PDB file of N, CA and C in Angstrom:
ATOM      1  N   UNK A   1      65.390 134.694  77.670  1.00  0.00           N
ATOM      2  CA  UNK A   1      65.718 133.645  76.733  1.00  0.00           C
ATOM      3  C   UNK A   1      66.740 132.679  77.339  1.00  0.00           C
ATOM      4  N   UNK A   2      67.708 133.237  78.050  1.00  0.00           N
ATOM      5  CA  UNK A   2      68.723 132.386  78.662  1.00  0.00           C
ATOM      6  C   UNK A   2      68.096 131.483  79.723  1.00  0.00           C
ATOM      7  N   UNK A   3      67.211 132.046  80.538  1.00  0.00           N
ATOM      8  CA  UNK A   3      66.577 131.255  81.598  1.00  0.00           C
ATOM      9  C   UNK A   3      65.663 130.177  81.006  1.00  0.00           C
ATOM     10  N   UNK A   4      64.937 130.514  79.954  1.00  0.00           N
ATOM     11  CA  UNK A   4      64.102 129.506  79.282  1.00  0.00           C
ATOM     12  C   UNK A   4      64.980 128.394  78.732  1.00  0.00           C
ATOM     13  N   UNK A   5      66.105 128.756  78.130  1.00  0.00           N
ATOM     14  CA  UNK A   5      67.033 127.757  77.612  1.00  0.00           C
ATOM     15  C   UNK A   5      67.573 126.849  78.703  1.00  0.00           C
ATOM     16  N   UNK A   6      67.951 127.439  79.834  1.00  0.00           N
ATOM     17  CA  UNK A   6      68.418 126.628  80.956  1.00  0.00           C
ATOM     18  C   UNK A   6      67.316 125.702  81.457  1.00  0.00           C
ATOM     19  N   UNK A   7      66.087 126.210  81.527  1.00  0.00           N
ATOM     20  CA  UNK A   7      64.955 125.389  81.957  1.00  0.00           C
ATOM     21  C   UNK A   7      64.776 124.193  81.018  1.00  0.00           C
ATOM     22  N   UNK A   8      64.870 124.441  79.715  1.00  0.00           N
ATOM     23  CA  UNK A   8      64.694 123.355  78.747  1.00  0.00           C
ATOM     24  C   UNK A   8      65.824 122.327  78.836  1.00  0.00           C
ATOM     25  N   UNK A   9      67.022 122.786  79.132  1.00  0.00           N
ATOM     26  CA  UNK A   9      68.151 121.862  79.255  1.00  0.00           C
ATOM     27  C   UNK A   9      68.056 121.043  80.541  1.00  0.00           C
ATOM     28  N   UNK A  10      67.679 121.680  81.628  1.00  0.00           N
ATOM     29  CA  UNK A  10      67.653 120.997  82.918  1.00  0.00           C
ATOM     30  C   UNK A  10      66.465 120.055  83.079  1.00  0.00           C
ATOM     31  N   UNK A  11      65.385 120.276  82.348  1.00  0.00           N
ATOM     32  CA  UNK A  11      64.200 119.421  82.442  1.00  0.00           C
ATOM     33  C   UNK A  11      64.135 118.489  81.242  1.00  0.00           C
ATOM     34  N   UNK A  12      64.676 117.298  81.421  1.00  0.00           N
ATOM     35  CA  UNK A  12      64.762 116.347  80.311  1.00  0.00           C
ATOM     36  C   UNK A  12      63.446 115.667  79.984  1.00  0.00           C
ATOM     37  N   UNK A  13      62.419 115.894  80.773  1.00  0.00           N
ATOM     38  CA  UNK A  13      61.104 115.300  80.513  1.00  0.00           C
ATOM     39  C   UNK A  13      60.014 116.360  80.513  1.00  0.00           C
ATOM     40  N   UNK A  14      60.350 117.564  80.071  1.00  0.00           N
ATOM     41  CA  UNK A  14      59.402 118.679  80.095  1.00  0.00           C
ATOM     42  C   UNK A  14      58.268 118.462  79.098  1.00  0.00           C
ATOM     43  N   UNK A  15      58.612 118.090  77.870  1.00  0.00           N
ATOM     44  CA  UNK A  15      57.602 117.855  76.845  1.00  0.00           C
ATOM     45  C   UNK A  15      57.199 116.384  76.850  1.00  0.00           C
ATOM     46  N   UNK A  16      55.903 116.127  76.807  1.00  0.00           N
ATOM     47  CA  UNK A  16      55.404 114.758  76.906  1.00  0.00           C
ATOM     48  C   UNK A  16      54.646 114.307  75.656  1.00  0.00           C
ATOM     49  N   UNK A  17      54.619 115.132  74.648  1.00  0.00           N
ATOM     50  CA  UNK A  17      53.847 114.815  73.462  1.00  0.00           C
ATOM     51  C   UNK A  17      54.581 115.318  72.232  1.00  0.00           C
ATOM     52  N   UNK A  18      54.580 114.660  71.135  1.00  0.00           N
ATOM     53  CA  UNK A  18      54.019 113.342  70.842  1.00  0.00           C
ATOM     54  C   UNK A  18      54.904 112.243  71.423  1.00  0.00           C
ATOM     55  N   UNK A  19      54.288 111.159  71.847  1.00  0.00           N
ATOM     56  CA  UNK A  19      55.032 110.100  72.552  1.00  0.00           C
ATOM     57  C   UNK A  19      56.190 109.511  71.758  1.00  0.00           C
ATOM     58  N   UNK A  20      56.059 109.428  70.445  1.00  0.00           N
ATOM     59  CA  UNK A  20      57.135 108.822  69.649  1.00  0.00           C
ATOM     60  C   UNK A  20      58.305 109.778  69.393  1.00  0.00           C
ATOM     61  N   UNK A  21      58.169 111.041  69.775  1.00  0.00           N
ATOM     62  CA  UNK A  21      59.241 112.027  69.556  1.00  0.00           C
ATOM     63  C   UNK A  21      59.777 112.629  70.856  1.00  0.00           C
ATOM     64  N   UNK A  22      59.561 111.960  71.969  1.00  0.00           N
ATOM     65  CA  UNK A  22      59.954 112.496  73.273  1.00  0.00           C
ATOM     66  C   UNK A  22      61.442 112.836  73.332  1.00  0.00           C
ATOM     67  N   UNK A  23      62.282 111.942  72.850  1.00  0.00           N
ATOM     68  CA  UNK A  23      63.734 112.189  72.902  1.00  0.00           C
ATOM     69  C   UNK A  23      64.133 113.381  72.041  1.00  0.00           C
ATOM     70  N   UNK A  24      63.503 113.530  70.887  1.00  0.00           N
ATOM     71  CA  UNK A  24      63.839 114.633  69.988  1.00  0.00           C
ATOM     72  C   UNK A  24      63.409 115.979  70.571  1.00  0.00           C
ATOM     73  N   UNK A  25      62.168 116.069  71.058  1.00  0.00           N
ATOM     74  CA  UNK A  25      61.667 117.362  71.540  1.00  0.00           C
ATOM     75  C   UNK A  25      62.270 117.757  72.884  1.00  0.00           C
ATOM     76  N   UNK A  26      62.803 116.803  73.632  1.00  0.00           N
ATOM     77  CA  UNK A  26      63.459 117.107  74.898  1.00  0.00           C
ATOM     78  C   UNK A  26      64.973 117.175  74.773  1.00  0.00           C
ATOM     79  N   UNK A  27      65.482 117.214  73.551  1.00  0.00           N
ATOM     80  CA  UNK A  27      66.923 117.296  73.325  1.00  0.00           C
ATOM     81  C   UNK A  27      67.447 118.647  73.812  1.00  0.00           C
ATOM     82  N   UNK A  28      68.661 118.657  74.316  1.00  0.00           N
ATOM     83  CA  UNK A  28      69.260 119.874  74.855  1.00  0.00           C
ATOM     84  C   UNK A  28      69.577 120.917  73.795  1.00  0.00           C
ATOM     85  N   UNK A  29      69.543 120.548  72.534  1.00  0.00           N
ATOM     86  CA  UNK A  29      69.831 121.515  71.470  1.00  0.00           C
ATOM     87  C   UNK A  29      68.817 122.659  71.469  1.00  0.00           C
ATOM     88  N   UNK A  30      67.575 122.370  71.836  1.00  0.00           N
ATOM     89  CA  UNK A  30      66.547 123.412  71.852  1.00  0.00           C
ATOM     90  C   UNK A  30      66.849 124.441  72.940  1.00  0.00           C
ATOM     91  N   UNK A  31      67.244 123.961  74.095  1.00  0.00           N
ATOM     92  CA  UNK A  31      67.646 124.880  75.157  1.00  0.00           C
ATOM     93  C   UNK A  31      68.877 125.675  74.773  1.00  0.00           C
ATOM     94  N   UNK A  32      69.811 125.021  74.082  1.00  0.00           N
ATOM     95  CA  UNK A  32      71.024 125.709  73.644  1.00  0.00           C
ATOM     96  C   UNK A  32      70.695 126.823  72.654  1.00  0.00           C
ATOM     97  N   UNK A  33      69.706 126.620  71.794  1.00  0.00           N
ATOM     98  CA  UNK A  33      69.297 127.680  70.864  1.00  0.00           C
ATOM     99  C   UNK A  33      68.768 128.894  71.613  1.00  0.00           C
ATOM    100  N   UNK A  34      67.968 128.669  72.651  1.00  0.00           N
ATOM    101  CA  UNK A  34      67.454 129.774  73.451  1.00  0.00           C
ATOM    102  C   UNK A  34      68.578 130.494  74.187  1.00  0.00           C
ATOM    103  N   UNK A  35      69.516 129.738  74.735  1.00  0.00           N
ATOM    104  CA  UNK A  35      70.658 130.347  75.430  1.00  0.00           C
ATOM    105  C   UNK A  35      71.498 131.164  74.456  1.00  0.00           C
ATOM    106  N   UNK A  36      71.748 130.622  73.279  1.00  0.00           N
ATOM    107  CA  UNK A  36      72.525 131.343  72.278  1.00  0.00           C
ATOM    108  C   UNK A  36      71.829 132.640  71.884  1.00  0.00           C
ATOM    109  N   UNK A  37      70.515 132.573  71.661  1.00  0.00           N
ATOM    110  CA  UNK A  37      69.763 133.767  71.288  1.00  0.00           C
ATOM    111  C   UNK A  37      69.812 134.805  72.409  1.00  0.00           C
ATOM    112  N   UNK A  38      69.586 134.370  73.636  1.00  0.00           N
ATOM    113  CA  UNK A  38      69.634 135.310  74.761  1.00  0.00           C
ATOM    114  C   UNK A  38      71.006 135.925  74.954  1.00  0.00           C
ATOM    115  N   UNK A  39      72.044 135.126  74.767  1.00  0.00           N
ATOM    116  CA  UNK A  39      73.409 135.629  74.905  1.00  0.00           C
ATOM    117  C   UNK A  39      73.728 136.646  73.819  1.00  0.00           C
ATOM    118  N   UNK A  40      73.322 136.364  72.588  1.00  0.00           N
ATOM    119  CA  UNK A  40      73.585 137.328  71.516  1.00  0.00           C
ATOM    120  C   UNK A  40      72.781 138.613  71.715  1.00  0.00           C
ATOM    121  N   UNK A  41      71.575 138.507  72.284  1.00  0.00           N
ATOM    122  CA  UNK A  41      70.815 139.723  72.621  1.00  0.00           C
ATOM    123  C   UNK A  41      71.572 140.561  73.652  1.00  0.00           C
ATOM    124  N   UNK A  42      72.110 139.904  74.683  1.00  0.00           N
ATOM    125  CA  UNK A  42      72.879 140.638  75.696  1.00  0.00           C
ATOM    126  C   UNK A  42      74.127 141.272  75.110  1.00  0.00           C
ATOM    127  N   UNK A  43      74.830 140.527  74.270  1.00  0.00           N
ATOM    128  CA  UNK A  43      76.030 141.074  73.635  1.00  0.00           C
ATOM    129  C   UNK A  43      75.658 142.282  72.785  1.00  0.00           C
ATOM    130  N   UNK A  44      74.584 142.196  72.028  1.00  0.00           N
ATOM    131  CA  UNK A  44      74.151 143.314  71.181  1.00  0.00           C
ATOM    132  C   UNK A  44      73.822 144.528  72.037  1.00  0.00           C
ATOM    133  N   UNK A  45      73.144 144.326  73.162  1.00  0.00           N
ATOM    134  CA  UNK A  45      72.764 145.447  74.023  1.00  0.00           C
ATOM    135  C   UNK A  45      74.002 146.091  74.650  1.00  0.00           C
ATOM    136  N   UNK A  46      74.896 145.284  75.202  1.00  0.00           N
ATOM    137  CA  UNK A  46      76.052 145.837  75.906  1.00  0.00           C
ATOM    138  C   UNK A  46      77.154 146.325  74.969  1.00  0.00           C
ATOM    139  N   UNK A  47      77.169 145.840  73.740  1.00  0.00           N
ATOM    140  CA  UNK A  47      78.171 146.301  72.782  1.00  0.00           C
ATOM    141  C   UNK A  47      77.918 147.752  72.401  1.00  0.00           C
ATOM    142  N   UNK A  48      76.663 148.113  72.256  1.00  0.00           N
ATOM    143  CA  UNK A  48      76.297 149.506  72.056  1.00  0.00           C
ATOM    144  C   UNK A  48      76.489 150.072  70.661  1.00  0.00           C
ATOM    145  N   UNK A  49      76.752 149.233  69.666  1.00  0.00           N
ATOM    146  CA  UNK A  49      76.938 149.792  68.320  1.00  0.00           C
ATOM    147  C   UNK A  49      75.606 150.075  67.632  1.00  0.00           C
ATOM    148  N   UNK A  50      74.513 149.588  68.202  1.00  0.00           N
ATOM    149  CA  UNK A  50      73.161 149.842  67.710  1.00  0.00           C
ATOM    150  C   UNK A  50      72.984 149.500  66.229  1.00  0.00           C
ATOM    151  N   UNK A  51      73.476 148.353  65.837  1.00  0.00           N
ATOM    152  CA  UNK A  51      73.329 147.894  64.473  1.00  0.00           C
ATOM    153  C   UNK A  51      71.879 147.522  64.194  1.00  0.00           C
ATOM    154  N   UNK A  52      71.267 148.222  63.249  1.00  0.00           N
ATOM    155  CA  UNK A  52      69.878 147.958  62.892  1.00  0.00           C
ATOM    156  C   UNK A  52      69.748 146.569  62.277  1.00  0.00           C
ATOM    157  N   UNK A  53      70.736 146.173  61.501  1.00  0.00           N
ATOM    158  CA  UNK A  53      70.707 144.856  60.864  1.00  0.00           C
ATOM    159  C   UNK A  53      70.670 143.745  61.913  1.00  0.00           C
ATOM    160  N   UNK A  54      71.530 143.852  62.931  1.00  0.00           N
ATOM    161  CA  UNK A  54      71.539 142.835  63.990  1.00  0.00           C
ATOM    162  C   UNK A  54      70.290 142.923  64.846  1.00  0.00           C
ATOM    163  N   UNK A  55      69.770 144.132  65.046  1.00  0.00           N
ATOM    164  CA  UNK A  55      68.518 144.306  65.776  1.00  0.00           C
ATOM    165  C   UNK A  55      67.402 143.513  65.103  1.00  0.00           C
ATOM    166  N   UNK A  56      67.293 143.645  63.795  1.00  0.00           N
ATOM    167  CA  UNK A  56      66.266 142.924  63.043  1.00  0.00           C
ATOM    168  C   UNK A  56      66.458 141.423  63.122  1.00  0.00           C
ATOM    169  N   UNK A  57      67.676 140.974  62.941  1.00  0.00           N
ATOM    170  CA  UNK A  57      67.957 139.534  62.965  1.00  0.00           C
ATOM    171  C   UNK A  57      67.663 138.918  64.327  1.00  0.00           C
ATOM    172  N   UNK A  58      68.108 139.580  65.377  1.00  0.00           N
ATOM    173  CA  UNK A  58      67.918 139.035  66.715  1.00  0.00           C
ATOM    174  C   UNK A  58      66.452 139.036  67.127  1.00  0.00           C
ATOM    175  N   UNK A  59      65.734 140.110  66.823  1.00  0.00           N
ATOM    176  CA  UNK A  59      64.314 140.141  67.172  1.00  0.00           C
ATOM    177  C   UNK A  59      63.521 139.125  66.354  1.00  0.00           C
ATOM    178  N   UNK A  60      63.919 138.916  65.111  1.00  0.00           N
ATOM    179  CA  UNK A  60      63.257 137.897  64.294  1.00  0.00           C
ATOM    180  C   UNK A  60      63.500 136.503  64.862  1.00  0.00           C
ATOM    181  N   UNK A  61      64.745 136.217  65.226  1.00  0.00           N
ATOM    182  CA  UNK A  61      65.074 134.909  65.800  1.00  0.00           C
ATOM    183  C   UNK A  61      64.350 134.704  67.132  1.00  0.00           C
ATOM    184  N   UNK A  62      64.319 135.730  67.958  1.00  0.00           N
ATOM    185  CA  UNK A  62      63.645 135.628  69.251  1.00  0.00           C
ATOM    186  C   UNK A  62      62.144 135.424  69.062  1.00  0.00           C
ATOM    187  N   UNK A  63      61.538 136.171  68.160  1.00  0.00           N
ATOM    188  CA  UNK A  63      60.103 136.022  67.895  1.00  0.00           C
ATOM    189  C   UNK A  63      59.802 134.625  67.360  1.00  0.00           C
ATOM    190  N   UNK A  64      60.661 134.106  66.485  1.00  0.00           N
ATOM    191  CA  UNK A  64      60.456 132.760  65.949  1.00  0.00           C
ATOM    192  C   UNK A  64      60.538 131.710  67.056  1.00  0.00           C
ATOM    193  N   UNK A  65      61.590 131.780  67.881  1.00  0.00           N
ATOM    194  CA  UNK A  65      61.760 130.799  68.951  1.00  0.00           C
ATOM    195  C   UNK A  65      60.602 130.842  69.943  1.00  0.00           C
ATOM    196  N   UNK A  66      60.216 132.035  70.360  1.00  0.00           N
ATOM    197  CA  UNK A  66      59.118 132.147  71.324  1.00  0.00           C
ATOM    198  C   UNK A  66      57.788 131.748  70.692  1.00  0.00           C
ATOM    199  N   UNK A  67      57.580 132.123  69.438  1.00  0.00           N
ATOM    200  CA  UNK A  67      56.347 131.729  68.753  1.00  0.00           C
ATOM    201  C   UNK A  67      56.247 130.228  68.592  1.00  0.00           C
ATOM    202  N   UNK A  68      57.357 129.602  68.236  1.00  0.00           N
ATOM    203  CA  UNK A  68      57.369 128.145  68.092  1.00  0.00           C
ATOM    204  C   UNK A  68      57.102 127.457  69.426  1.00  0.00           C
ATOM    205  N   UNK A  69      57.794 127.907  70.484  1.00  0.00           N
ATOM    206  CA  UNK A  69      57.607 127.311  71.804  1.00  0.00           C
ATOM    207  C   UNK A  69      56.165 127.482  72.284  1.00  0.00           C
ATOM    208  N   UNK A  70      55.617 128.668  72.104  1.00  0.00           N
ATOM    209  CA  UNK A  70      54.241 128.929  72.526  1.00  0.00           C
ATOM    210  C   UNK A  70      53.257 128.054  71.771  1.00  0.00           C
ATOM    211  N   UNK A  71      53.415 127.959  70.465  1.00  0.00           N
ATOM    212  CA  UNK A  71      52.519 127.145  69.651  1.00  0.00           C
ATOM    213  C   UNK A  71      52.634 125.676  70.022  1.00  0.00           C
ATOM    214  N   UNK A  72      53.845 125.205  70.226  1.00  0.00           N
ATOM    215  CA  UNK A  72      54.045 123.803  70.585  1.00  0.00           C
ATOM    216  C   UNK A  72      53.417 123.492  71.942  1.00  0.00           C
ATOM    217  N   UNK A  73      53.590 124.381  72.903  1.00  0.00           N
ATOM    218  CA  UNK A  73      52.991 124.155  74.214  1.00  0.00           C
ATOM    219  C   UNK A  73      51.460 124.216  74.143  1.00  0.00           C
ATOM    220  N   UNK A  74      50.929 125.085  73.311  1.00  0.00           N
ATOM    221  CA  UNK A  74      49.475 125.148  73.121  1.00  0.00           C
ATOM    222  C   UNK A  74      48.951 123.847  72.513  1.00  0.00           C
ATOM    223  N   UNK A  75      49.661 123.319  71.519  1.00  0.00           N
ATOM    224  CA  UNK A  75      49.249 122.064  70.883  1.00  0.00           C
ATOM    225  C   UNK A  75      49.298 120.909  71.890  1.00  0.00           C
ATOM    226  N   UNK A  76      50.319 120.884  72.745  1.00  0.00           N
ATOM    227  CA  UNK A  76      50.391 119.856  73.778  1.00  0.00           C
ATOM    228  C   UNK A  76      49.191 119.961  74.714  1.00  0.00           C
ATOM    229  N   UNK A  77      48.834 121.185  75.091  1.00  0.00           N
ATOM    230  CA  UNK A  77      47.689 121.380  75.974  1.00  0.00           C
ATOM    231  C   UNK A  77      46.396 120.901  75.310  1.00  0.00           C
ATOM    232  N   UNK A  78      46.229 121.222  74.025  1.00  0.00           N
ATOM    233  CA  UNK A  78      45.025 120.793  73.309  1.00  0.00           C
ATOM    234  C   UNK A  78      44.995 119.269  73.170  1.00  0.00           C
ATOM    235  N   UNK A  79      46.129 118.670  72.863  1.00  0.00           N
ATOM    236  CA  UNK A  79      46.185 117.229  72.603  1.00  0.00           C
ATOM    237  C   UNK A  79      46.070 116.383  73.870  1.00  0.00           C
ATOM    238  N   UNK A  80      46.665 116.868  74.959  1.00  0.00           N
ATOM    239  CA  UNK A  80      46.727 116.027  76.158  1.00  0.00           C
ATOM    240  C   UNK A  80      45.922 116.566  77.334  1.00  0.00           C
ATOM    241  N   UNK A  81      45.627 117.849  77.327  1.00  0.00           N
ATOM    242  CA  UNK A  81      44.936 118.456  78.461  1.00  0.00           C
ATOM    243  C   UNK A  81      45.874 118.857  79.582  1.00  0.00           C
ATOM    244  N   UNK A  82      47.169 118.548  79.438  1.00  0.00           N
ATOM    245  CA  UNK A  82      48.156 118.947  80.440  1.00  0.00           C
ATOM    246  C   UNK A  82      48.524 120.402  80.236  1.00  0.00           C
ATOM    247  N   UNK A  83      48.443 121.187  81.301  1.00  0.00           N
ATOM    248  CA  UNK A  83      48.764 122.610  81.162  1.00  0.00           C
ATOM    249  C   UNK A  83      50.249 122.793  80.930  1.00  0.00           C
ATOM    250  N   UNK A  84      50.540 123.556  79.925  1.00  0.00           N
ATOM    251  CA  UNK A  84      51.908 124.001  79.665  1.00  0.00           C
ATOM    252  C   UNK A  84      51.883 125.519  79.833  1.00  0.00           C
ATOM    253  N   UNK A  85      53.020 126.131  79.950  1.00  0.00           N
ATOM    254  CA  UNK A  85      53.079 127.573  80.203  1.00  0.00           C
ATOM    255  C   UNK A  85      52.900 128.397  78.927  1.00  0.00           C
ATOM    256  N   UNK A  86      51.966 127.997  78.087  1.00  0.00           N
ATOM    257  CA  UNK A  86      51.789 128.680  76.808  1.00  0.00           C
ATOM    258  C   UNK A  86      51.188 130.066  76.980  1.00  0.00           C
ATOM    259  N   UNK A  87      50.424 130.302  78.034  1.00  0.00           N
ATOM    260  CA  UNK A  87      49.823 131.625  78.216  1.00  0.00           C
ATOM    261  C   UNK A  87      50.903 132.658  78.545  1.00  0.00           C
ATOM    262  N   UNK A  88      51.790 132.335  79.468  1.00  0.00           N
ATOM    263  CA  UNK A  88      52.862 133.276  79.794  1.00  0.00           C
ATOM    264  C   UNK A  88      53.819 133.452  78.623  1.00  0.00           C
ATOM    265  N   UNK A  89      54.049 132.393  77.867  1.00  0.00           N
ATOM    266  CA  UNK A  89      54.906 132.518  76.689  1.00  0.00           C
ATOM    267  C   UNK A  89      54.245 133.351  75.604  1.00  0.00           C
ATOM    268  N   UNK A  90      52.930 133.336  75.532  1.00  0.00           N
ATOM    269  CA  UNK A  90      52.220 134.198  74.589  1.00  0.00           C
ATOM    270  C   UNK A  90      52.462 135.662  74.934  1.00  0.00           C
ATOM    271  N   UNK A  91      52.459 135.977  76.217  1.00  0.00           N
ATOM    272  CA  UNK A  91      52.715 137.353  76.651  1.00  0.00           C
ATOM    273  C   UNK A  91      54.144 137.758  76.297  1.00  0.00           C
ATOM    274  N   UNK A  92      55.099 136.873  76.526  1.00  0.00           N
ATOM    275  CA  UNK A  92      56.495 137.168  76.177  1.00  0.00           C
ATOM    276  C   UNK A  92      56.634 137.353  74.665  1.00  0.00           C
ATOM    277  N   UNK A  93      55.988 136.492  73.890  1.00  0.00           N
ATOM    278  CA  UNK A  93      56.029 136.608  72.431  1.00  0.00           C
ATOM    279  C   UNK A  93      55.423 137.931  71.985  1.00  0.00           C
ATOM    280  N   UNK A  94      54.312 138.322  72.583  1.00  0.00           N
ATOM    281  CA  UNK A  94      53.689 139.607  72.249  1.00  0.00           C
ATOM    282  C   UNK A  94      54.638 140.762  72.571  1.00  0.00           C
ATOM    283  N   UNK A  95      55.339 140.679  73.695  1.00  0.00           N
ATOM    284  CA  UNK A  95      56.306 141.710  74.061  1.00  0.00           C
ATOM    285  C   UNK A  95      57.431 141.801  73.026  1.00  0.00           C
ATOM    286  N   UNK A  96      57.928 140.652  72.589  1.00  0.00           N
ATOM    287  CA  UNK A  96      58.989 140.640  71.568  1.00  0.00           C
ATOM    288  C   UNK A  96      58.477 141.267  70.271  1.00  0.00           C
ATOM    289  N   UNK A  97      57.260 140.922  69.883  1.00  0.00           N
ATOM    290  CA  UNK A  97      56.698 141.493  68.653  1.00  0.00           C
ATOM    291  C   UNK A  97      56.474 142.997  68.777  1.00  0.00           C
ATOM    292  N   UNK A  98      56.078 143.478  69.945  1.00  0.00           N
ATOM    293  CA  UNK A  98      55.933 144.918  70.162  1.00  0.00           C
ATOM    294  C   UNK A  98      57.290 145.597  70.070  1.00  0.00           C
ATOM    295  N   UNK A  99      58.316 144.989  70.662  1.00  0.00           N
ATOM    296  CA  UNK A  99      59.680 145.538  70.557  1.00  0.00           C
ATOM    297  C   UNK A  99      60.131 145.582  69.105  1.00  0.00           C
ATOM    298  N   UNK A 100      59.837 144.538  68.363  1.00  0.00           N
ATOM    299  CA  UNK A 100      60.227 144.501  66.951  1.00  0.00           C
ATOM    300  C   UNK A 100      59.492 145.580  66.165  1.00  0.00           C
ATOM    301  N   UNK A 101      58.228 145.772  66.457  1.00  0.00           N
ATOM    302  CA  UNK A 101      57.435 146.782  65.746  1.00  0.00           C
ATOM    303  C   UNK A 101      57.945 148.186  66.018  1.00  0.00           C
ATOM    304  N   UNK A 102      58.389 148.424  67.236  1.00  0.00           N
ATOM    305  CA  UNK A 102      58.836 149.759  67.627  1.00  0.00           C
ATOM    306  C   UNK A 102      60.341 149.963  67.475  1.00  0.00           C
ATOM    307  N   UNK A 103      61.025 148.980  66.949  1.00  0.00           N
ATOM    308  CA  UNK A 103      62.485 149.089  66.857  1.00  0.00           C
ATOM    309  C   UNK A 103      62.888 150.048  65.745  1.00  0.00           C
ATOM    310  N   UNK A 104      64.108 150.492  65.846  1.00  0.00           N
ATOM    311  CA  UNK A 104      64.661 151.449  64.897  1.00  0.00           C
ATOM    312  C   UNK A 104      64.851 150.794  63.528  1.00  0.00           C
ATOM    313  N   UNK A 105      64.333 151.422  62.494  1.00  0.00           N
ATOM    314  CA  UNK A 105      64.485 150.878  61.145  1.00  0.00           C
ATOM    315  C   UNK A 105      65.304 151.811  60.253  1.00  0.00           C
ATOM    316  N   UNK A 106      65.945 152.780  60.855  1.00  0.00           N
ATOM    317  CA  UNK A 106      66.766 153.699  60.064  1.00  0.00           C
ATOM    318  C   UNK A 106      68.062 153.022  59.617  1.00  0.00           C
ATOM    319  N   UNK A 107      68.661 153.537  58.620  1.00  0.00           N
ATOM    320  CA  UNK A 107      69.988 153.118  58.142  1.00  0.00           C
ATOM    321  C   UNK A 107      70.015 151.651  57.714  1.00  0.00           C
ATOM    322  N   UNK A 108      69.020 151.213  57.020  1.00  0.00           N
ATOM    323  CA  UNK A 108      69.209 149.927  56.475  1.00  0.00           C
ATOM    324  C   UNK A 108      68.220 148.906  56.482  1.00  0.00           C
TER     325      UNK A 108
END
């Protein structure tokens, strides 16, 4: 998540569609959201308190961000024919959903 966020921040012309929203979709806030999510995932893992509540929240946020990015890249590919990395992001999204499905649901 952190690397995807950095990629989105460093590439100011990554998204090319829709043409009238180029500045909005290439804004650094989207990359910052991915970095924030990845950082909070790392903090949760290294903190070691194993909070089920935070596990659910973080996996939900990660699944939402990856699902949105994958869907948006797929729509760009359909609309313009330009390949976006939606296939690899689909695999990452599937991995996040598998982790969420198998995560601990005890205590709350």
